[in-house]
């Protein structure tokens, strides 16, 4: 996902995780006598789930570009269908993110001293 690197330069930290959970499809079917219904669960193709965690500060346009680039990469590299791809962006406050034994906001303060 090389496209993502250009977009994350302004973020202090970025974590991207890809998961391919099995999605189950449920449907009801009447039995031959018409009285009862049965629920059958069929496995559906794996649907990629992308979780991008960044420190707060990205604009809506930057987030939209991250979603587009993550989707485009999965389509190009893995042949996934865009309508099967889910992307979640989680923004985390710098005081809730640790780096090098310090909270990120504290680490940034020390870097600027």
PDB file of N, CA and C in Angstrom:
ATOM      1  N   UNK A   1       0.822  -1.177   0.000  1.00  0.00           N
ATOM      2  CA  UNK A   1       0.000   0.000   0.000  1.00  0.00           C
ATOM      3  C   UNK A   1       0.871   1.246   0.000  1.00  0.00           C
ATOM      4  N   UNK A   2       1.649   1.398  -1.011  1.00  0.00           N
ATOM      5  CA  UNK A   2       2.562   2.526  -1.070  1.00  0.00           C
ATOM      6  C   UNK A   2       1.832   3.853  -1.156  1.00  0.00           C
ATOM      7  N   UNK A   3       0.624   3.884  -1.702  1.00  0.00           N
ATOM      8  CA  UNK A   3      -0.123   5.135  -1.802  1.00  0.00           C
ATOM      9  C   UNK A   3      -0.387   5.720  -0.417  1.00  0.00           C
ATOM     10  N   UNK A   4      -0.516   4.871   0.589  1.00  0.00           N
ATOM     11  CA  UNK A   4      -0.845   5.340   1.926  1.00  0.00           C
ATOM     12  C   UNK A   4       0.288   6.119   2.560  1.00  0.00           C
ATOM     13  N   UNK A   5       1.526   5.825   2.200  1.00  0.00           N
ATOM     14  CA  UNK A   5       2.654   6.469   2.864  1.00  0.00           C
ATOM     15  C   UNK A   5       2.657   7.977   2.659  1.00  0.00           C
ATOM     16  N   UNK A   6       2.306   8.452   1.480  1.00  0.00           N
ATOM     17  CA  UNK A   6       2.280   9.893   1.224  1.00  0.00           C
ATOM     18  C   UNK A   6       1.223  10.593   2.057  1.00  0.00           C
ATOM     19  N   UNK A   7       0.143   9.918   2.336  1.00  0.00           N
ATOM     20  CA  UNK A   7      -0.962  10.541   3.052  1.00  0.00           C
ATOM     21  C   UNK A   7      -0.776  10.557   4.556  1.00  0.00           C
ATOM     22  N   UNK A   8       0.131   9.749   5.047  1.00  0.00           N
ATOM     23  CA  UNK A   8       0.288   9.655   6.491  1.00  0.00           C
ATOM     24  C   UNK A   8       1.476  10.429   7.016  1.00  0.00           C
ATOM     25  N   UNK A   9       2.135  11.205   6.173  1.00  0.00           N
ATOM     26  CA  UNK A   9       3.304  11.953   6.620  1.00  0.00           C
ATOM     27  C   UNK A   9       2.962  12.936   7.726  1.00  0.00           C
ATOM     28  N   UNK A  10       1.756  13.503   7.706  1.00  0.00           N
ATOM     29  CA  UNK A  10       1.393  14.491   8.708  1.00  0.00           C
ATOM     30  C   UNK A  10       0.971  13.843  10.031  1.00  0.00           C
ATOM     31  N   UNK A  11       0.653  12.587  10.028  1.00  0.00           N
ATOM     32  CA  UNK A  11       0.235  11.907  11.257  1.00  0.00           C
ATOM     33  C   UNK A  11       1.468  11.423  12.008  1.00  0.00           C
ATOM     34  N   UNK A  12       1.438  11.540  13.328  1.00  0.00           N
ATOM     35  CA  UNK A  12       2.573  11.098  14.138  1.00  0.00           C
ATOM     36  C   UNK A  12       2.734   9.596  14.066  1.00  0.00           C
ATOM     37  N   UNK A  13       1.661   8.898  14.206  1.00  0.00           N
ATOM     38  CA  UNK A  13       1.685   7.436  14.215  1.00  0.00           C
ATOM     39  C   UNK A  13       0.527   6.931  13.369  1.00  0.00           C
ATOM     40  N   UNK A  14       0.746   5.862  12.666  1.00  0.00           N
ATOM     41  CA  UNK A  14      -0.310   5.238  11.888  1.00  0.00           C
ATOM     42  C   UNK A  14      -0.155   3.735  11.977  1.00  0.00           C
ATOM     43  N   UNK A  15      -1.235   3.063  12.255  1.00  0.00           N
ATOM     44  CA  UNK A  15      -1.246   1.604  12.258  1.00  0.00           C
ATOM     45  C   UNK A  15      -2.318   1.177  11.265  1.00  0.00           C
ATOM     46  N   UNK A  16      -1.983   0.270  10.401  1.00  0.00           N
ATOM     47  CA  UNK A  16      -2.948  -0.270   9.450  1.00  0.00           C
ATOM     48  C   UNK A  16      -3.004  -1.762   9.653  1.00  0.00           C
ATOM     49  N   UNK A  17      -4.199  -2.287   9.871  1.00  0.00           N
ATOM     50  CA  UNK A  17      -4.335  -3.735   9.993  1.00  0.00           C
ATOM     51  C   UNK A  17      -5.377  -4.211   8.996  1.00  0.00           C
ATOM     52  N   UNK A  18      -5.108  -5.340   8.391  1.00  0.00           N
ATOM     53  CA  UNK A  18      -6.036  -5.944   7.439  1.00  0.00           C
ATOM     54  C   UNK A  18      -6.554  -7.241   8.023  1.00  0.00           C
ATOM     55  N   UNK A  19      -7.838  -7.428   7.943  1.00  0.00           N
ATOM     56  CA  UNK A  19      -8.437  -8.684   8.399  1.00  0.00           C
ATOM     57  C   UNK A  19      -9.401  -9.157   7.322  1.00  0.00           C
ATOM     58  N   UNK A  20      -9.545 -10.448   7.209  1.00  0.00           N
ATOM     59  CA  UNK A  20     -10.454 -11.029   6.238  1.00  0.00           C
ATOM     60  C   UNK A  20     -11.417 -11.965   6.967  1.00  0.00           C
ATOM     61  N   UNK A  21     -12.390 -11.382   7.681  1.00  0.00           N
ATOM     62  CA  UNK A  21     -13.306 -12.232   8.439  1.00  0.00           C
ATOM     63  C   UNK A  21     -14.252 -12.987   7.520  1.00  0.00           C
ATOM     64  N   UNK A  22     -14.609 -14.177   7.922  1.00  0.00           N
ATOM     65  CA  UNK A  22     -15.607 -14.926   7.168  1.00  0.00           C
ATOM     66  C   UNK A  22     -16.972 -14.314   7.454  1.00  0.00           C
ATOM     67  N   UNK A  23     -17.670 -13.935   6.431  1.00  0.00           N
ATOM     68  CA  UNK A  23     -18.994 -13.343   6.592  1.00  0.00           C
ATOM     69  C   UNK A  23     -20.017 -14.420   6.303  1.00  0.00           C
ATOM     70  N   UNK A  24     -21.003 -14.509   7.162  1.00  0.00           N
ATOM     71  CA  UNK A  24     -22.018 -15.543   7.001  1.00  0.00           C
ATOM     72  C   UNK A  24     -23.304 -14.939   6.448  1.00  0.00           C
ATOM     73  N   UNK A  25     -23.902 -15.655   5.551  1.00  0.00           N
ATOM     74  CA  UNK A  25     -25.163 -15.225   4.960  1.00  0.00           C
ATOM     75  C   UNK A  25     -26.261 -16.123   5.520  1.00  0.00           C
ATOM     76  N   UNK A  26     -27.315 -15.497   5.973  1.00  0.00           N
ATOM     77  CA  UNK A  26     -28.429 -16.272   6.528  1.00  0.00           C
ATOM     78  C   UNK A  26     -29.636 -16.159   5.593  1.00  0.00           C
ATOM     79  N   UNK A  27     -30.361 -17.257   5.447  1.00  0.00           N
ATOM     80  CA  UNK A  27     -31.607 -17.198   4.700  1.00  0.00           C
ATOM     81  C   UNK A  27     -32.565 -18.235   5.258  1.00  0.00           C
ATOM     82  N   UNK A  28     -33.814 -17.973   5.023  1.00  0.00           N
ATOM     83  CA  UNK A  28     -34.858 -18.884   5.509  1.00  0.00           C
ATOM     84  C   UNK A  28     -35.435 -19.651   4.324  1.00  0.00           C
ATOM     85  N   UNK A  29     -35.782 -20.887   4.605  1.00  0.00           N
ATOM     86  CA  UNK A  29     -36.292 -21.754   3.552  1.00  0.00           C
ATOM     87  C   UNK A  29     -37.449 -22.561   4.128  1.00  0.00           C
ATOM     88  N   UNK A  30     -38.543 -22.625   3.402  1.00  0.00           N
ATOM     89  CA  UNK A  30     -39.678 -23.421   3.865  1.00  0.00           C
ATOM     90  C   UNK A  30     -39.427 -24.892   3.583  1.00  0.00           C
ATOM     91  N   UNK A  31     -39.900 -25.711   4.504  1.00  0.00           N
ATOM     92  CA  UNK A  31     -39.775 -27.152   4.283  1.00  0.00           C
ATOM     93  C   UNK A  31     -40.822 -27.595   3.271  1.00  0.00           C
ATOM     94  N   UNK A  32     -40.755 -28.837   2.886  1.00  0.00           N
ATOM     95  CA  UNK A  32     -41.647 -29.348   1.848  1.00  0.00           C
ATOM     96  C   UNK A  32     -43.122 -29.252   2.233  1.00  0.00           C
ATOM     97  N   UNK A  33     -43.430 -29.352   3.553  1.00  0.00           N
ATOM     98  CA  UNK A  33     -44.838 -29.263   3.940  1.00  0.00           C
ATOM     99  C   UNK A  33     -45.305 -27.813   4.084  1.00  0.00           C
ATOM    100  N   UNK A  34     -44.401 -26.846   3.982  1.00  0.00           N
ATOM    101  CA  UNK A  34     -44.766 -25.437   3.984  1.00  0.00           C
ATOM    102  C   UNK A  34     -44.975 -24.834   5.352  1.00  0.00           C
ATOM    103  N   UNK A  35     -44.925 -25.643   6.426  1.00  0.00           N
ATOM    104  CA  UNK A  35     -45.211 -25.118   7.761  1.00  0.00           C
ATOM    105  C   UNK A  35     -43.983 -24.514   8.438  1.00  0.00           C
ATOM    106  N   UNK A  36     -42.911 -25.205   8.335  1.00  0.00           N
ATOM    107  CA  UNK A  36     -41.729 -24.845   9.106  1.00  0.00           C
ATOM    108  C   UNK A  36     -40.711 -24.119   8.247  1.00  0.00           C
ATOM    109  N   UNK A  37     -39.872 -23.351   8.915  1.00  0.00           N
ATOM    110  CA  UNK A  37     -38.769 -22.713   8.196  1.00  0.00           C
ATOM    111  C   UNK A  37     -37.465 -23.179   8.823  1.00  0.00           C
ATOM    112  N   UNK A  38     -36.459 -23.204   8.039  1.00  0.00           N
ATOM    113  CA  UNK A  38     -35.134 -23.572   8.506  1.00  0.00           C
ATOM    114  C   UNK A  38     -34.197 -22.410   8.208  1.00  0.00           C
ATOM    115  N   UNK A  39     -33.254 -22.182   9.081  1.00  0.00           N
ATOM    116  CA  UNK A  39     -32.242 -21.170   8.816  1.00  0.00           C
ATOM    117  C   UNK A  39     -30.973 -21.900   8.426  1.00  0.00           C
ATOM    118  N   UNK A  40     -30.470 -21.575   7.280  1.00  0.00           N
ATOM    119  CA  UNK A  40     -29.239 -22.175   6.799  1.00  0.00           C
ATOM    120  C   UNK A  40     -28.171 -21.093   6.749  1.00  0.00           C
ATOM    121  N   UNK A  41     -26.995 -21.417   7.217  1.00  0.00           N
ATOM    122  CA  UNK A  41     -25.891 -20.461   7.189  1.00  0.00           C
ATOM    123  C   UNK A  41     -24.865 -20.942   6.175  1.00  0.00           C
ATOM    124  N   UNK A  42     -24.580 -20.098   5.224  1.00  0.00           N
ATOM    125  CA  UNK A  42     -23.581 -20.416   4.208  1.00  0.00           C
ATOM    126  C   UNK A  42     -22.408 -19.446   4.349  1.00  0.00           C
ATOM    127  N   UNK A  43     -21.186 -19.944   4.268  1.00  0.00           N
ATOM    128  CA  UNK A  43     -20.055 -19.011   4.299  1.00  0.00           C
ATOM    129  C   UNK A  43     -20.015 -18.193   3.022  1.00  0.00           C
ATOM    130  N   UNK A  44     -19.739 -16.919   3.153  1.00  0.00           N
ATOM    131  CA  UNK A  44     -19.591 -16.031   2.007  1.00  0.00           C
ATOM    132  C   UNK A  44     -18.110 -15.755   1.835  1.00  0.00           C
ATOM    133  N   UNK A  45     -17.687 -15.323   0.653  1.00  0.00           N
ATOM    134  CA  UNK A  45     -16.272 -15.029   0.439  1.00  0.00           C
ATOM    135  C   UNK A  45     -15.783 -14.050   1.487  1.00  0.00           C
ATOM    136  N   UNK A  46     -14.506 -14.171   1.826  1.00  0.00           N
ATOM    137  CA  UNK A  46     -13.921 -13.262   2.801  1.00  0.00           C
ATOM    138  C   UNK A  46     -14.017 -11.824   2.315  1.00  0.00           C
ATOM    139  N   UNK A  47     -14.379 -10.944   3.252  1.00  0.00           N
ATOM    140  CA  UNK A  47     -14.506  -9.527   2.946  1.00  0.00           C
ATOM    141  C   UNK A  47     -13.409  -8.796   3.710  1.00  0.00           C
ATOM    142  N   UNK A  48     -12.497  -8.124   3.015  1.00  0.00           N
ATOM    143  CA  UNK A  48     -11.423  -7.423   3.716  1.00  0.00           C
ATOM    144  C   UNK A  48     -11.955  -6.325   4.633  1.00  0.00           C
ATOM    145  N   UNK A  49     -11.378  -6.253   5.810  1.00  0.00           N
ATOM    146  CA  UNK A  49     -11.670  -5.216   6.793  1.00  0.00           C
ATOM    147  C   UNK A  49     -10.343  -4.522   7.085  1.00  0.00           C
ATOM    148  N   UNK A  50     -10.273  -3.232   6.812  1.00  0.00           N
ATOM    149  CA  UNK A  50      -9.058  -2.463   7.037  1.00  0.00           C
ATOM    150  C   UNK A  50      -9.316  -1.523   8.206  1.00  0.00           C
ATOM    151  N   UNK A  51      -8.444  -1.567   9.209  1.00  0.00           N
ATOM    152  CA  UNK A  51      -8.549  -0.678  10.360  1.00  0.00           C
ATOM    153  C   UNK A  51      -7.325   0.223  10.361  1.00  0.00           C
ATOM    154  N   UNK A  52      -7.541   1.520  10.178  1.00  0.00           N
ATOM    155  CA  UNK A  52      -6.449   2.489  10.174  1.00  0.00           C
ATOM    156  C   UNK A  52      -6.554   3.293  11.459  1.00  0.00           C
ATOM    157  N   UNK A  53      -5.508   3.255  12.265  1.00  0.00           N
ATOM    158  CA  UNK A  53      -5.470   4.021  13.509  1.00  0.00           C
ATOM    159  C   UNK A  53      -4.450   5.138  13.352  1.00  0.00           C
ATOM    160  N   UNK A  54      -4.899   6.379  13.577  1.00  0.00           N
ATOM    161  CA  UNK A  54      -4.024   7.536  13.444  1.00  0.00           C
ATOM    162  C   UNK A  54      -4.253   8.462  14.633  1.00  0.00           C
ATOM    163  N   UNK A  55      -3.244   9.292  14.932  1.00  0.00           N
ATOM    164  CA  UNK A  55      -3.479  10.331  15.927  1.00  0.00           C
ATOM    165  C   UNK A  55      -4.378  11.378  15.290  1.00  0.00           C
ATOM    166  N   UNK A  56      -5.102  12.096  16.130  1.00  0.00           N
ATOM    167  CA  UNK A  56      -6.076  13.080  15.643  1.00  0.00           C
ATOM    168  C   UNK A  56      -5.402  14.169  14.816  1.00  0.00           C
ATOM    169  N   UNK A  57      -6.180  14.704  13.869  1.00  0.00           N
ATOM    170  CA  UNK A  57      -5.683  15.825  13.093  1.00  0.00           C
ATOM    171  C   UNK A  57      -5.869  15.701  11.596  1.00  0.00           C
ATOM    172  N   UNK A  58      -6.214  14.525  11.104  1.00  0.00           N
ATOM    173  CA  UNK A  58      -6.424  14.360   9.661  1.00  0.00           C
ATOM    174  C   UNK A  58      -7.730  15.038   9.250  1.00  0.00           C
ATOM    175  N   UNK A  59      -7.728  15.646   8.079  1.00  0.00           N
ATOM    176  CA  UNK A  59      -8.939  16.280   7.565  1.00  0.00           C
ATOM    177  C   UNK A  59      -9.861  15.221   6.969  1.00  0.00           C
ATOM    178  N   UNK A  60     -11.091  15.619   6.703  1.00  0.00           N
ATOM    179  CA  UNK A  60     -12.045  14.706   6.073  1.00  0.00           C
ATOM    180  C   UNK A  60     -11.526  14.275   4.701  1.00  0.00           C
ATOM    181  N   UNK A  61     -10.953  15.216   3.946  1.00  0.00           N
ATOM    182  CA  UNK A  61     -10.403  14.889   2.626  1.00  0.00           C
ATOM    183  C   UNK A  61      -9.259  13.884   2.728  1.00  0.00           C
ATOM    184  N   UNK A  62      -8.393  14.034   3.729  1.00  0.00           N
ATOM    185  CA  UNK A  62      -7.300  13.078   3.918  1.00  0.00           C
ATOM    186  C   UNK A  62      -7.849  11.694   4.262  1.00  0.00           C
ATOM    187  N   UNK A  63      -8.863  11.646   5.114  1.00  0.00           N
ATOM    188  CA  UNK A  63      -9.476  10.353   5.465  1.00  0.00           C
ATOM    189  C   UNK A  63     -10.117   9.709   4.244  1.00  0.00           C
ATOM    190  N   UNK A  64     -10.801  10.513   3.432  1.00  0.00           N
ATOM    191  CA  UNK A  64     -11.414   9.980   2.206  1.00  0.00           C
ATOM    192  C   UNK A  64     -10.344   9.409   1.282  1.00  0.00           C
ATOM    193  N   UNK A  65      -9.196  10.084   1.194  1.00  0.00           N
ATOM    194  CA  UNK A  65      -8.105   9.594   0.347  1.00  0.00           C
ATOM    195  C   UNK A  65      -7.524   8.293   0.895  1.00  0.00           C
ATOM    196  N   UNK A  66      -7.406   8.188   2.223  1.00  0.00           N
ATOM    197  CA  UNK A  66      -6.937   6.932   2.823  1.00  0.00           C
ATOM    198  C   UNK A  66      -7.873   5.776   2.482  1.00  0.00           C
ATOM    199  N   UNK A  67      -9.182   6.015   2.593  1.00  0.00           N
ATOM    200  CA  UNK A  67     -10.169   4.976   2.269  1.00  0.00           C
ATOM    201  C   UNK A  67     -10.050   4.580   0.804  1.00  0.00           C
ATOM    202  N   UNK A  68      -9.942   5.564  -0.072  1.00  0.00           N
ATOM    203  CA  UNK A  68      -9.827   5.279  -1.510  1.00  0.00           C
ATOM    204  C   UNK A  68      -8.552   4.490  -1.811  1.00  0.00           C
ATOM    205  N   UNK A  69      -7.417   4.936  -1.256  1.00  0.00           N
ATOM    206  CA  UNK A  69      -6.151   4.263  -1.540  1.00  0.00           C
ATOM    207  C   UNK A  69      -6.101   2.848  -0.971  1.00  0.00           C
ATOM    208  N   UNK A  70      -6.636   2.644   0.229  1.00  0.00           N
ATOM    209  CA  UNK A  70      -6.673   1.295   0.809  1.00  0.00           C
ATOM    210  C   UNK A  70      -7.527   0.378  -0.068  1.00  0.00           C
ATOM    211  N   UNK A  71      -8.676   0.885  -0.502  1.00  0.00           N
ATOM    212  CA  UNK A  71      -9.567   0.104  -1.367  1.00  0.00           C
ATOM    213  C   UNK A  71      -8.890  -0.205  -2.701  1.00  0.00           C
ATOM    214  N   UNK A  72      -8.311   0.820  -3.325  1.00  0.00           N
ATOM    215  CA  UNK A  72      -7.633   0.617  -4.615  1.00  0.00           C
ATOM    216  C   UNK A  72      -6.499  -0.405  -4.509  1.00  0.00           C
ATOM    217  N   UNK A  73      -5.757  -0.366  -3.415  1.00  0.00           N
ATOM    218  CA  UNK A  73      -4.649  -1.317  -3.230  1.00  0.00           C
ATOM    219  C   UNK A  73      -5.155  -2.741  -3.108  1.00  0.00           C
ATOM    220  N   UNK A  74      -6.223  -2.953  -2.349  1.00  0.00           N
ATOM    221  CA  UNK A  74      -6.767  -4.310  -2.203  1.00  0.00           C
ATOM    222  C   UNK A  74      -7.337  -4.829  -3.520  1.00  0.00           C
ATOM    223  N   UNK A  75      -7.924  -3.943  -4.294  1.00  0.00           N
ATOM    224  CA  UNK A  75      -8.432  -4.338  -5.617  1.00  0.00           C
ATOM    225  C   UNK A  75      -7.266  -4.721  -6.519  1.00  0.00           C
ATOM    226  N   UNK A  76      -6.240  -3.875  -6.561  1.00  0.00           N
ATOM    227  CA  UNK A  76      -5.102  -4.096  -7.458  1.00  0.00           C
ATOM    228  C   UNK A  76      -4.249  -5.294  -7.033  1.00  0.00           C
ATOM    229  N   UNK A  77      -3.923  -5.382  -5.753  1.00  0.00           N
ATOM    230  CA  UNK A  77      -2.981  -6.408  -5.296  1.00  0.00           C
ATOM    231  C   UNK A  77      -3.647  -7.763  -5.071  1.00  0.00           C
ATOM    232  N   UNK A  78      -4.834  -7.763  -4.464  1.00  0.00           N
ATOM    233  CA  UNK A  78      -5.481  -9.030  -4.102  1.00  0.00           C
ATOM    234  C   UNK A  78      -6.687  -9.380  -4.967  1.00  0.00           C
ATOM    235  N   UNK A  79      -7.056  -8.482  -5.874  1.00  0.00           N
ATOM    236  CA  UNK A  79      -8.194  -8.764  -6.745  1.00  0.00           C
ATOM    237  C   UNK A  79      -9.530  -8.734  -6.028  1.00  0.00           C
ATOM    238  N   UNK A  80      -9.617  -8.007  -4.921  1.00  0.00           N
ATOM    239  CA  UNK A  80     -10.873  -7.921  -4.168  1.00  0.00           C
ATOM    240  C   UNK A  80     -11.829  -6.960  -4.845  1.00  0.00           C
ATOM    241  N   UNK A  81     -13.112  -7.182  -4.632  1.00  0.00           N
ATOM    242  CA  UNK A  81     -14.134  -6.288  -5.174  1.00  0.00           C
ATOM    243  C   UNK A  81     -14.299  -5.092  -4.244  1.00  0.00           C
ATOM    244  N   UNK A  82     -14.367  -3.877  -4.777  1.00  0.00           N
ATOM    245  CA  UNK A  82     -14.515  -2.691  -3.924  1.00  0.00           C
ATOM    246  C   UNK A  82     -15.731  -2.758  -3.014  1.00  0.00           C
ATOM    247  N   UNK A  83     -16.827  -3.339  -3.489  1.00  0.00           N
ATOM    248  CA  UNK A  83     -18.039  -3.398  -2.677  1.00  0.00           C
ATOM    249  C   UNK A  83     -17.956  -4.442  -1.562  1.00  0.00           C
ATOM    250  N   UNK A  84     -16.840  -5.157  -1.467  1.00  0.00           N
ATOM    251  CA  UNK A  84     -16.618  -6.103  -0.366  1.00  0.00           C
ATOM    252  C   UNK A  84     -15.653  -5.549   0.681  1.00  0.00           C
ATOM    253  N   UNK A  85     -15.091  -4.384   0.437  1.00  0.00           N
ATOM    254  CA  UNK A  85     -14.035  -3.849   1.301  1.00  0.00           C
ATOM    255  C   UNK A  85     -14.609  -2.850   2.301  1.00  0.00           C
ATOM    256  N   UNK A  86     -14.258  -3.042   3.561  1.00  0.00           N
ATOM    257  CA  UNK A  86     -14.675  -2.136   4.633  1.00  0.00           C
ATOM    258  C   UNK A  86     -13.430  -1.476   5.209  1.00  0.00           C
ATOM    259  N   UNK A  87     -13.463  -0.152   5.356  1.00  0.00           N
ATOM    260  CA  UNK A  87     -12.336   0.587   5.913  1.00  0.00           C
ATOM    261  C   UNK A  87     -12.849   1.395   7.106  1.00  0.00           C
ATOM    262  N   UNK A  88     -12.184   1.253   8.238  1.00  0.00           N
ATOM    263  CA  UNK A  88     -12.528   2.008   9.443  1.00  0.00           C
ATOM    264  C   UNK A  88     -11.317   2.837   9.838  1.00  0.00           C
ATOM    265  N   UNK A  89     -11.531   4.131  10.072  1.00  0.00           N
ATOM    266  CA  UNK A  89     -10.459   5.006  10.542  1.00  0.00           C
ATOM    267  C   UNK A  89     -10.759   5.373  11.985  1.00  0.00           C
ATOM    268  N   UNK A  90      -9.816   5.093  12.862  1.00  0.00           N
ATOM    269  CA  UNK A  90      -9.944   5.439  14.274  1.00  0.00           C
ATOM    270  C   UNK A  90      -8.925   6.514  14.595  1.00  0.00           C
ATOM    271  N   UNK A  91      -9.415   7.648  15.097  1.00  0.00           N
ATOM    272  CA  UNK A  91      -8.514   8.710  15.517  1.00  0.00           C
ATOM    273  C   UNK A  91      -8.291   8.589  17.022  1.00  0.00           C
ATOM    274  N   UNK A  92      -7.037   8.649  17.409  1.00  0.00           N
ATOM    275  CA  UNK A  92      -6.664   8.461  18.808  1.00  0.00           C
ATOM    276  C   UNK A  92      -5.953   9.721  19.290  1.00  0.00           C
ATOM    277  N   UNK A  93      -6.360  10.208  20.445  1.00  0.00           N
ATOM    278  CA  UNK A  93      -5.718  11.390  21.022  1.00  0.00           C
ATOM    279  C   UNK A  93      -4.258  11.068  21.344  1.00  0.00           C
ATOM    280  N   UNK A  94      -3.385  12.066  21.182  1.00  0.00           N
ATOM    281  CA  UNK A  94      -1.958  11.846  21.438  1.00  0.00           C
ATOM    282  C   UNK A  94      -1.691  11.417  22.873  1.00  0.00           C
ATOM    283  N   UNK A  95      -2.535  11.849  23.810  1.00  0.00           N
ATOM    284  CA  UNK A  95      -2.328  11.429  25.198  1.00  0.00           C
ATOM    285  C   UNK A  95      -2.761   9.968  25.415  1.00  0.00           C
ATOM    286  N   UNK A  96      -3.410   9.377  24.427  1.00  0.00           N
ATOM    287  CA  UNK A  96      -3.838   7.982  24.508  1.00  0.00           C
ATOM    288  C   UNK A  96      -2.963   7.057  23.672  1.00  0.00           C
ATOM    289  N   UNK A  97      -1.838   7.577  23.165  1.00  0.00           N
ATOM    290  CA  UNK A  97      -0.944   6.796  22.319  1.00  0.00           C
ATOM    291  C   UNK A  97       0.451   6.877  22.912  1.00  0.00           C
ATOM    292  N   UNK A  98       1.069   5.747  23.144  1.00  0.00           N
ATOM    293  CA  UNK A  98       2.407   5.720  23.707  1.00  0.00           C
ATOM    294  C   UNK A  98       3.458   5.431  22.655  1.00  0.00           C
ATOM    295  N   UNK A  99       4.637   6.059  22.860  1.00  0.00           N
ATOM    296  CA  UNK A  99       5.745   5.845  21.924  1.00  0.00           C
ATOM    297  C   UNK A  99       7.045   6.024  22.696  1.00  0.00           C
ATOM    298  N   UNK A 100       7.932   5.093  22.571  1.00  0.00           N
ATOM    299  CA  UNK A 100       9.248   5.188  23.183  1.00  0.00           C
ATOM    300  C   UNK A 100       9.166   5.408  24.695  1.00  0.00           C
ATOM    301  N   UNK A 101       8.204   4.763  25.320  1.00  0.00           N
ATOM    302  CA  UNK A 101       8.053   4.846  26.774  1.00  0.00           C
ATOM    303  C   UNK A 101       7.350   6.092  27.269  1.00  0.00           C
ATOM    304  N   UNK A 102       6.854   6.921  26.362  1.00  0.00           N
ATOM    305  CA  UNK A 102       6.174   8.161  26.734  1.00  0.00           C
ATOM    306  C   UNK A 102       4.842   8.264  26.000  1.00  0.00           C
ATOM    307  N   UNK A 103       3.937   9.072  26.530  1.00  0.00           N
ATOM    308  CA  UNK A 103       2.737   9.389  25.768  1.00  0.00           C
ATOM    309  C   UNK A 103       3.175  10.289  24.611  1.00  0.00           C
ATOM    310  N   UNK A 104       2.510  10.159  23.478  1.00  0.00           N
ATOM    311  CA  UNK A 104       2.943  10.867  22.280  1.00  0.00           C
ATOM    312  C   UNK A 104       3.000  12.373  22.470  1.00  0.00           C
ATOM    313  N   UNK A 105       2.038  12.960  23.177  1.00  0.00           N
ATOM    314  CA  UNK A 105       2.084  14.408  23.368  1.00  0.00           C
ATOM    315  C   UNK A 105       3.320  14.823  24.170  1.00  0.00           C
ATOM    316  N   UNK A 106       3.681  14.006  25.167  1.00  0.00           N
ATOM    317  CA  UNK A 106       4.881  14.291  25.951  1.00  0.00           C
ATOM    318  C   UNK A 106       6.142  14.093  25.108  1.00  0.00           C
ATOM    319  N   UNK A 107       6.176  13.041  24.310  1.00  0.00           N
ATOM    320  CA  UNK A 107       7.327  12.763  23.444  1.00  0.00           C
ATOM    321  C   UNK A 107       7.554  13.931  22.472  1.00  0.00           C
ATOM    322  N   UNK A 108       6.461  14.441  21.882  1.00  0.00           N
ATOM    323  CA  UNK A 108       6.581  15.578  20.959  1.00  0.00           C
ATOM    324  C   UNK A 108       7.125  16.817  21.669  1.00  0.00           C
ATOM    325  N   UNK A 109       6.665  17.057  22.893  1.00  0.00           N
ATOM    326  CA  UNK A 109       7.170  18.209  23.647  1.00  0.00           C
ATOM    327  C   UNK A 109       8.675  18.092  23.857  1.00  0.00           C
ATOM    328  N   UNK A 110       9.131  16.897  24.220  1.00  0.00           N
ATOM    329  CA  UNK A 110      10.562  16.686  24.462  1.00  0.00           C
ATOM    330  C   UNK A 110      11.367  16.855  23.182  1.00  0.00           C
ATOM    331  N   UNK A 111      10.809  16.474  22.043  1.00  0.00           N
ATOM    332  CA  UNK A 111      11.507  16.612  20.758  1.00  0.00           C
ATOM    333  C   UNK A 111      11.680  18.078  20.375  1.00  0.00           C
ATOM    334  N   UNK A 112      10.747  18.918  20.787  1.00  0.00           N
ATOM    335  CA  UNK A 112      10.816  20.330  20.410  1.00  0.00           C
ATOM    336  C   UNK A 112      11.684  21.154  21.361  1.00  0.00           C
ATOM    337  N   UNK A 113      12.127  20.564  22.471  1.00  0.00           N
ATOM    338  CA  UNK A 113      12.973  21.296  23.441  1.00  0.00           C
ATOM    339  C   UNK A 113      14.402  21.432  22.955  1.00  0.00           C
TER     340      UNK A 113
END
